[in-house]
Amino acid sequence: MTLEYPAILPIDRTKSRHQRSVEIPPPPQPRRPFAFADLETQFDPELDTLWTYMRQRVRPSFNPGLLAEFGHWQADIAQACSSGDMPIRYVVLGSRFPGVFSLGGDLDLFSDHIRNGDREALVAYGRACVRILHRNMLSLDRPIITIGLVEGDALGGGFEALLSFNVVIAERGTNFGLPETNFGLFPGMGAHCFLSRRLGAARAEQMILSGRSYSAEELYDLGIVHALADPGKGRAEVESYIRQNRRRHSGHCAIYEASRSVNPLALGELEAVVDLWADAALRLSDADLKLMRRLVGAQTRLLEKAQVASC
């Protein structure tokens, strides 16, 4: 979390030494826990579950503002567990955007940084993403089980984010994809690291290179999605999963911890891939960037139709 220090106004040297004063504005008000603009949270004491939904009012991607809120969200969860204010045993993340879990990375931002040749900004963005995913993969070093609730399509970084959860529950008919190779890039926020550990390096490369979409049913057969729900029944399926498994919570936490121990994934490995991704991004041609922009336009049009249909 970045600490913000109050600005000290310059001294007015037109005044005498005795008249001079340093004016310090009042410190910012402390941030209320779990108070966000783009995240909606609710704690269910019956299930010991923190429900969280992304509720972006713009294109549902991981823009810098949302990433900052996820950092605060994780800190709030850790603090709530440590203080005992909330006995959180399950954390669920979903999306309120109609038909979309997440479109992944902020392609508009990528395009600007690439055109400006700003490798530092690309790396900073990527590392902010993987720090959040790595902490989620570790369940914030708490006895917490993380669940990704997929009620709409998860593309690019949205798919990568879900790979960091202990459990993924998806509605039938939802789609997952890693389209980055279609415009000359590759998914750099953890897909290769996570998929290689789950499917093996060859199968992971095949999935990434294909650039195609996979249905929830296909990923269920591969073991990436852990339970399927009928459309509109995703939350009910998560609640059922928690009720059925809450007595085995401690054992499940131990199993996930053992899996991380047997097949560890260091933050440094994720960051090294981010560096490779940034270098690859800066090698994109003008034609690749135009294709990226067309993809953004196509996604925007689909989102506008989805929003109109939901009204």
Foldseek 3Di string as FASTA:
>chain_A
DDDDDWDWDDWDPVDDPVPIDIDTDDDDDDDDQPDADQKHWDADQVLLEIEIAGEDPAAFEPDVRNLVVLVSNLVSVVVCCVVVVGSHAEYEYAYPQFQDRGQYHDLVVLLVCLVVVPLVVLLVVLLSLQVSLVCLLCVVVDLHAYEYQAQHEQEQRRLQSLLSGPAYEYEFPHKYFYQLVVLQAWRQNHQQVSCCLQPNNVVSVVRGNVSDIDTPVRVCVSVSHVYYDHRPCRVVVVVVVSVVCVVVSVVSSVVSVVSCVVPPDDSVVSSVSSSVRSVSSSPGDPVSSVVSVVVVVVSNVVSVVSVVVVD
